[in-house]
Amino acid sequence: LPTHPAPPPEVLRAYAFELLSKEGKVVAQLFTAEDGSGNLRLRSGDGMVRVKLGATADGTAMHLFDAQAEPAVSLITDEKLGTSVTLAQKGKQKRVIEP
């Protein structure tokens, strides 16, 4: 008789999820911060953080990192700090754009 895989669960619940590469390295993390907000980190195959995305009660932030794991683009919306886009590149002056 043919076997049928069990249907996937409709909802998975956990405090954190980690996605691993075939080599066992963490390449993505979905977790809660100490304040209970949601966070996502994406890593390159060599384990370097490349993207951070977070949400808090006051706003959100997204950071994109360069090859040296330095923030290259940061987008921030924060009720207290305001909204900004920061562009950075090694050897060049950082640029902050605000409304």
C-alpha atoms as a PDB file:
ATOM      1  CA  LEU A   1       0.000   0.000   0.000  1.00  0.00           C
ATOM      2  CA  PRO A   2       1.276   3.506  -0.781  1.00  0.00           C
ATOM      3  CA  THR A   3       2.156   5.649   2.190  1.00  0.00           C
ATOM      4  CA  HIS A   4       1.085   9.262   2.461  1.00  0.00           C
ATOM      5  CA  PRO A   5       3.073  11.752   4.478  1.00  0.00           C
ATOM      6  CA  ALA A   6       1.289  13.261   7.418  1.00  0.00           C
ATOM      7  CA  PRO A   7      -0.161  16.682   6.656  1.00  0.00           C
ATOM      8  CA  PRO A   8       1.966  19.532   8.010  1.00  0.00           C
ATOM      9  CA  PRO A   9       0.805  21.271  11.155  1.00  0.00           C
ATOM     10  CA  GLU A  10      -1.214  24.423  10.551  1.00  0.00           C
ATOM     11  CA  VAL A  11       0.770  26.374  13.143  1.00  0.00           C
ATOM     12  CA  LEU A  12       4.260  25.842  14.581  1.00  0.00           C
ATOM     13  CA  ARG A  13       4.946  27.576  17.877  1.00  0.00           C
ATOM     14  CA  ALA A  14       8.327  28.136  19.457  1.00  0.00           C
ATOM     15  CA  TYR A  15      10.406  30.829  21.115  1.00  0.00           C
ATOM     16  CA  ALA A  16      12.986  30.609  18.345  1.00  0.00           C
ATOM     17  CA  PHE A  17      13.571  28.953  14.991  1.00  0.00           C
ATOM     18  CA  GLU A  18      16.937  28.319  13.344  1.00  0.00           C
ATOM     19  CA  LEU A  19      17.426  27.278   9.738  1.00  0.00           C
ATOM     20  CA  LEU A  20      20.590  25.248   9.134  1.00  0.00           C
ATOM     21  CA  SER A  21      22.651  24.716   5.999  1.00  0.00           C
ATOM     22  CA  LYS A  22      23.593  21.185   4.926  1.00  0.00           C
ATOM     23  CA  GLU A  23      26.862  21.746   6.813  1.00  0.00           C
ATOM     24  CA  GLY A  24      24.955  22.496  10.021  1.00  0.00           C
ATOM     25  CA  LYS A  25      25.650  26.246  10.087  1.00  0.00           C
ATOM     26  CA  VAL A  26      22.883  28.594  11.184  1.00  0.00           C
ATOM     27  CA  VAL A  27      21.808  30.654   8.152  1.00  0.00           C
ATOM     28  CA  ALA A  28      18.547  32.138   9.477  1.00  0.00           C
ATOM     29  CA  GLN A  29      17.158  32.867  12.925  1.00  0.00           C
ATOM     30  CA  LEU A  30      13.661  33.922  13.942  1.00  0.00           C
ATOM     31  CA  PHE A  31      13.478  34.767  17.619  1.00  0.00           C
ATOM     32  CA  THR A  32      12.083  37.081  20.270  1.00  0.00           C
ATOM     33  CA  ALA A  33      14.180  39.806  21.889  1.00  0.00           C
ATOM     34  CA  GLU A  34      14.269  40.418  25.637  1.00  0.00           C
ATOM     35  CA  ASP A  35      11.416  42.930  25.288  1.00  0.00           C
ATOM     36  CA  GLY A  36       9.284  40.297  23.518  1.00  0.00           C
ATOM     37  CA  SER A  37       9.606  41.814  20.033  1.00  0.00           C
ATOM     38  CA  GLY A  38      10.158  39.714  16.915  1.00  0.00           C
ATOM     39  CA  ASN A  39      13.532  39.559  15.159  1.00  0.00           C
ATOM     40  CA  LEU A  40      14.887  37.935  12.012  1.00  0.00           C
ATOM     41  CA  ARG A  41      18.567  37.419  11.160  1.00  0.00           C
ATOM     42  CA  LEU A  42      19.808  36.076   7.835  1.00  0.00           C
ATOM     43  CA  ARG A  43      23.391  34.856   7.507  1.00  0.00           C
ATOM     44  CA  SER A  44      25.588  34.026   4.543  1.00  0.00           C
ATOM     45  CA  GLY A  45      26.813  30.470   4.064  1.00  0.00           C
ATOM     46  CA  ASP A  46      29.966  31.303   6.024  1.00  0.00           C
ATOM     47  CA  GLY A  47      27.901  32.412   9.028  1.00  0.00           C
ATOM     48  CA  MET A  48      28.245  36.202   8.680  1.00  0.00           C
ATOM     49  CA  VAL A  49      25.139  38.209   9.563  1.00  0.00           C
ATOM     50  CA  ARG A  50      23.906  39.930   6.379  1.00  0.00           C
ATOM     51  CA  VAL A  51      20.363  41.065   7.298  1.00  0.00           C
ATOM     52  CA  LYS A  52      18.726  42.024  10.588  1.00  0.00           C
ATOM     53  CA  LEU A  53      15.050  42.868  10.830  1.00  0.00           C
ATOM     54  CA  GLY A  54      13.356  43.789  14.075  1.00  0.00           C
ATOM     55  CA  ALA A  55      10.091  45.181  15.395  1.00  0.00           C
ATOM     56  CA  THR A  56       9.438  46.872  18.719  1.00  0.00           C
ATOM     57  CA  ALA A  57       6.548  48.726  20.316  1.00  0.00           C
ATOM     58  CA  ASP A  58       8.157  51.997  19.124  1.00  0.00           C
ATOM     59  CA  GLY A  59       8.941  51.033  15.519  1.00  0.00           C
ATOM     60  CA  THR A  60      11.011  48.867  13.230  1.00  0.00           C
ATOM     61  CA  ALA A  61      14.567  48.510  11.967  1.00  0.00           C
ATOM     62  CA  MET A  62      16.250  46.779   9.049  1.00  0.00           C
ATOM     63  CA  HIS A  63      20.021  46.568   8.668  1.00  0.00           C
ATOM     64  CA  LEU A  64      21.847  45.263   5.585  1.00  0.00           C
ATOM     65  CA  PHE A  65      25.523  44.399   6.107  1.00  0.00           C
ATOM     66  CA  ASP A  66      28.530  44.545   3.791  1.00  0.00           C
ATOM     67  CA  ALA A  67      31.209  41.890   3.256  1.00  0.00           C
ATOM     68  CA  GLN A  68      32.950  42.894   6.509  1.00  0.00           C
ATOM     69  CA  ALA A  69      29.673  42.546   8.481  1.00  0.00           C
ATOM     70  CA  GLU A  70      29.445  46.325   8.914  1.00  0.00           C
ATOM     71  CA  PRO A  71      26.047  48.028   8.498  1.00  0.00           C
ATOM     72  CA  ALA A  72      25.811  49.375   4.927  1.00  0.00           C
ATOM     73  CA  VAL A  73      22.114  50.314   4.863  1.00  0.00           C
ATOM     74  CA  SER A  74      19.930  50.934   7.898  1.00  0.00           C
ATOM     75  CA  LEU A  75      16.241  51.780   7.751  1.00  0.00           C
ATOM     76  CA  ILE A  76      14.722  52.870  11.038  1.00  0.00           C
ATOM     77  CA  THR A  77      11.250  53.966  12.069  1.00  0.00           C
ATOM     78  CA  ASP A  78      10.963  54.821  15.731  1.00  0.00           C
ATOM     79  CA  GLU A  79       8.314  56.823  17.550  1.00  0.00           C
ATOM     80  CA  LYS A  80      10.931  58.467  19.789  1.00  0.00           C
ATOM     81  CA  LEU A  81      13.975  58.632  17.473  1.00  0.00           C
ATOM     82  CA  GLY A  82      12.134  59.336  14.213  1.00  0.00           C
ATOM     83  CA  THR A  83      12.583  57.831  10.763  1.00  0.00           C
ATOM     84  CA  SER A  84      15.886  57.612   8.916  1.00  0.00           C
ATOM     85  CA  VAL A  85      17.859  55.840   6.245  1.00  0.00           C
ATOM     86  CA  THR A  86      21.601  55.525   6.808  1.00  0.00           C
ATOM     87  CA  LEU A  87      23.999  54.620   3.997  1.00  0.00           C
ATOM     88  CA  ALA A  88      27.569  53.649   4.833  1.00  0.00           C
ATOM     89  CA  GLN A  89      30.518  52.378   2.826  1.00  0.00           C
ATOM     90  CA  LYS A  90      34.092  51.837   3.952  1.00  0.00           C
ATOM     91  CA  GLY A  91      36.250  54.805   3.039  1.00  0.00           C
ATOM     92  CA  LYS A  92      33.290  57.117   2.407  1.00  0.00           C
ATOM     93  CA  GLN A  93      31.363  59.497   4.629  1.00  0.00           C
ATOM     94  CA  LYS A  94      28.207  58.060   6.172  1.00  0.00           C
ATOM     95  CA  ARG A  95      24.987  59.599   4.823  1.00  0.00           C
ATOM     96  CA  VAL A  96      21.834  59.915   6.902  1.00  0.00           C
ATOM     97  CA  ILE A  97      18.534  60.757   5.210  1.00  0.00           C
ATOM     98  CA  GLU A  98      15.678  61.985   7.360  1.00  0.00           C
ATOM     99  CA  PRO A  99      12.249  63.331   6.403  1.00  0.00           C
END
